Each structure stands twice: as C-alpha cells, then as structure tokens.
Protein backbone atom coordinates (compact mmCIF):
# COMPACT_ATOMS: atom_id res chain seq x y z
CA UNK A 1 -9.97 13.88 -8.78
CA UNK A 2 -8.16 13.34 -5.51
CA UNK A 3 -4.76 11.73 -5.26
CA UNK A 4 -3.65 9.44 -2.46
CA UNK A 5 -0.06 9.95 -1.35
CA UNK A 6 1.60 7.96 1.45
CA UNK A 7 4.90 9.23 2.83
CA UNK A 8 6.83 7.14 5.38
CA UNK A 9 9.36 8.39 7.92
CA UNK A 10 12.06 6.51 9.82
CA UNK A 11 10.98 8.07 13.13
CA UNK A 12 7.79 8.70 15.08
CA UNK A 13 7.67 12.48 14.53
CA UNK A 14 8.35 13.02 10.82
CA UNK A 15 4.75 12.62 9.68
CA UNK A 16 3.41 15.04 12.31
CA UNK A 17 5.96 17.70 11.31
CA UNK A 18 4.97 17.38 7.65
CA UNK A 19 1.28 17.51 8.58
CA UNK A 20 1.80 20.96 10.15
CA UNK A 21 3.47 22.19 6.96
CA UNK A 22 0.61 20.81 4.84
CA UNK A 23 -1.89 22.73 6.96
CA UNK A 24 0.08 25.93 6.35
CA UNK A 25 0.19 25.19 2.62
CA UNK A 26 -3.55 24.66 2.56
CA UNK A 27 -4.08 28.07 4.21
CA UNK A 28 -1.88 29.56 1.48
CA UNK A 29 -3.99 27.72 -1.14
CA UNK A 30 -1.01 25.79 -2.49
CA UNK A 31 -2.85 22.51 -1.99
CA UNK A 32 -6.42 21.46 -1.31
CA UNK A 33 -6.45 18.58 1.16
CA UNK A 34 -9.58 16.44 1.16
CA UNK A 35 -8.44 14.40 4.13
CA UNK A 36 -5.25 13.29 5.82
CA UNK A 37 -4.11 11.07 8.66
CA UNK A 38 -0.87 10.64 10.58
CA UNK A 39 -0.04 7.05 11.50
CA UNK A 40 2.57 6.34 14.17
CA UNK A 41 3.77 2.87 15.15
CA UNK A 42 5.25 3.10 18.62
CA UNK A 43 8.31 1.02 19.58
CA UNK A 44 5.99 -1.80 20.73
CA UNK A 45 4.34 -1.88 17.29
CA UNK A 46 1.03 -0.38 18.44
CA UNK A 47 -0.54 1.80 15.75
CA UNK A 48 -1.87 5.29 16.54
CA UNK A 49 -3.96 7.20 13.97
CA UNK A 50 -4.56 10.93 14.13
CA UNK A 51 -6.94 12.25 11.49
CA UNK A 52 -6.08 15.78 10.36
CA UNK A 53 -8.62 18.29 11.64
CA UNK A 54 -9.91 21.70 10.53
CA UNK A 55 -9.91 21.03 6.81
CA UNK A 56 -12.18 22.58 4.25
CA UNK A 57 -14.24 19.58 3.24
CA UNK A 58 -13.08 17.66 6.30
CA UNK A 59 -14.52 14.24 6.75
CA UNK A 60 -14.74 13.63 3.03
CA UNK A 61 -13.40 10.16 3.73
CA UNK A 62 -13.96 10.10 7.45
CA UNK A 63 -12.70 7.96 10.23
CA UNK A 64 -14.32 4.83 8.83
CA UNK A 65 -12.15 4.92 5.70
CA UNK A 66 -8.94 5.55 7.63
CA UNK A 67 -9.91 2.93 10.20
CA UNK A 68 -10.48 0.26 7.56
CA UNK A 69 -7.33 1.16 5.65
CA UNK A 70 -5.07 1.36 8.70
CA UNK A 71 -6.65 -1.79 10.11
CA UNK A 72 -5.90 -3.69 6.91
CA UNK A 73 -2.35 -2.36 6.88
CA UNK A 74 -1.32 -3.07 10.45
CA UNK A 75 -3.70 -5.43 12.21
CA UNK A 76 -3.39 -8.36 9.82
CA UNK A 77 0.13 -9.42 10.87
CA UNK A 78 -0.97 -9.46 14.51
CA UNK A 79 -4.20 -11.38 13.98
CA UNK A 80 -2.72 -14.20 11.93
CA UNK A 81 -4.20 -16.57 9.42
CA UNK A 82 -7.69 -16.63 10.96
CA UNK A 83 -8.51 -13.24 9.45
CA UNK A 84 -6.84 -13.87 6.11
CA UNK A 85 -10.17 -14.40 4.38
CA UNK A 86 -11.60 -11.20 5.87
CA UNK A 87 -8.54 -9.26 4.76
CA UNK A 88 -8.76 -10.75 1.29
CA UNK A 89 -12.40 -9.70 1.08
CA UNK A 90 -11.49 -6.20 2.28
CA UNK A 91 -8.68 -5.89 -0.27
CA UNK A 92 -10.89 -7.22 -3.06
CA UNK A 93 -13.79 -4.93 -2.19
CA UNK A 94 -11.53 -1.88 -2.07
CA UNK A 95 -9.47 -2.65 -5.17
CA UNK A 96 -11.94 -0.50 -7.12
CA UNK A 97 -10.80 2.57 -5.19
CA UNK A 98 -7.11 1.81 -5.52
CA UNK A 99 -6.51 -0.17 -2.35
CA UNK A 100 -4.96 -3.43 -3.49
CA UNK A 101 -3.01 -6.20 -1.77
CA UNK A 102 0.36 -4.94 -3.10
CA UNK A 103 -0.31 -1.50 -1.61
CA UNK A 104 -1.28 -3.04 1.74
CA UNK A 105 1.81 -5.26 1.77
CA UNK A 106 4.24 -2.49 0.80
CA UNK A 107 2.94 0.03 3.32
CA UNK A 108 2.69 -2.41 6.21
CA UNK A 109 6.22 -3.69 5.52
CA UNK A 110 7.68 -0.17 5.33
CA UNK A 111 6.15 1.39 8.44
CA UNK A 112 7.94 -0.52 11.18
CA UNK A 113 7.71 0.03 14.94
CA UNK A 114 9.22 3.43 15.75
CA UNK A 115 8.20 4.84 12.32
CA UNK A 116 5.42 7.12 11.14
CA UNK A 117 3.59 7.88 7.90
CA UNK A 118 1.40 10.60 6.48
CA UNK A 119 -1.59 9.54 4.37
CA UNK A 120 -2.91 12.41 2.23
CA UNK A 121 -5.93 12.69 -0.07
CA UNK A 122 -5.49 15.94 -1.99
CA UNK A 123 -6.28 17.68 -5.24
CA UNK A 124 -5.83 21.07 -6.88
CA UNK A 125 -2.20 21.24 -5.84
CA UNK A 126 0.44 23.52 -7.28
CA UNK A 127 2.53 20.41 -7.65
CA UNK A 128 6.03 21.86 -8.15
CA UNK A 129 5.60 24.20 -5.20
CA UNK A 130 4.22 21.43 -2.96
CA UNK A 131 7.20 19.20 -3.74
CA UNK A 132 9.68 22.02 -3.13
CA UNK A 133 8.13 22.99 0.22
CA UNK A 134 7.92 19.40 1.50
CA UNK A 135 11.40 18.38 0.34
CA UNK A 136 13.19 19.42 3.60
CA UNK A 137 11.01 17.03 5.60
CA UNK A 138 12.39 13.93 3.89
CA UNK A 139 10.52 10.67 4.01
CA UNK A 140 9.90 7.98 1.45
CA UNK A 141 7.06 8.12 -1.04
CA UNK A 142 5.66 4.62 -0.80
CA UNK A 143 2.45 5.11 -2.75
CA UNK A 144 0.83 7.71 -4.94
CA UNK A 145 -1.98 7.87 -7.43
CA UNK A 146 -0.23 10.77 -9.15
CA UNK A 147 0.80 10.64 -12.79
CA UNK A 148 4.05 8.76 -13.44
CA UNK A 149 5.83 12.03 -14.20
CA UNK A 150 4.63 13.72 -11.00
CA UNK A 151 5.52 10.67 -8.90
CA UNK A 152 9.04 10.56 -10.40
CA UNK A 153 9.56 14.26 -9.59
CA UNK A 154 8.35 13.77 -6.05
CA UNK A 155 10.51 10.70 -5.45
CA UNK A 156 13.54 12.51 -6.86
CA UNK A 157 12.91 15.49 -4.58
CA UNK A 158 12.65 13.24 -1.54
CA UNK A 159 15.86 11.39 -2.32
CA UNK A 160 14.19 8.25 -3.63
CA UNK A 161 15.04 5.98 -0.68
CA UNK A 162 13.98 5.70 2.92
CA UNK A 163 16.19 4.13 5.54
CA UNK A 164 14.29 1.97 7.96
CA UNK A 165 15.59 0.59 11.21
C-alpha cells in the first residue's frame, strides 16, 4: 500500500532540493516512489506543479490526479463561492482515497505565496533511513497516511514545526 506524505517548506526551493534527494534514495533502493510532485507558490500566489519524472512505475497516479488535487488545494480561494459546490463534490468523491476537506484546508492554508511543498506517494521504504536522510532538508510534515508511530518519528526528526511567512 502506498503512503501519501506532504512536506511543506517556507521557501520556493526546499521541495525541489528534497525531490533530488528522493530520486537518489530511489536509485539506492531505500524508497520506492510511486509518484511525486513539487508544488511552488510564487510570490504572486500562482501555483506551479512539477511532476517527478523518470520513476519506476511513473504515472501510477498521473497528471490528472495531481491536477485535481492541486486544483482543489489552491484554486478554490481564488474562484470564490461560485465553485464551492464543485469543490464539495470533489472532496466528497475523493474522501474514499483519503482526500478530505480537512486535508485540503490544512495544506492550502500552510503553503502560502513564496512557499513550496513536496507531495510523495511511496511504499516499500526503509523508514528509519528515509527519515534520517531527509532530516537535513527541514520542512513541515503536514499530512501523511503513515502509521501514527511512523508519523510521530518523522515529525520529531523534522523539528515538528514549520515557520511560515
């Protein structure tokens, strides 16, 4: 089973730096990444999505999944009340796969203009080693579908809190 992990950074480059490390870790077979995407909100609030390339099993989720998820996270505040019903339908439809309104709200409120985030779908990870190797990159774990114990270890390793501007 794959786990979804979202890590937010207080700058525009943190997610991209961690993505490069994840690719190295996949080559070393420390983690098996099903899919990943870097999201950057520029200073004007515009969202840029870069799906990770050259993965074994790439496209497992595909651009459509990331597009819907990122759209729900960041476009809703800009579009206003008129799309509230559409967003509600999206959130309800995707609740079965772990995308609920609390997740959408938390992520969209955390990733402010000038910030970035790394969205990772992974499995078969050597968890302790992954945490140790990613620790220097910082960031805030804002969502995981890991076990409670694994999530607590990861949050502790990353310092627990993220400072946003």
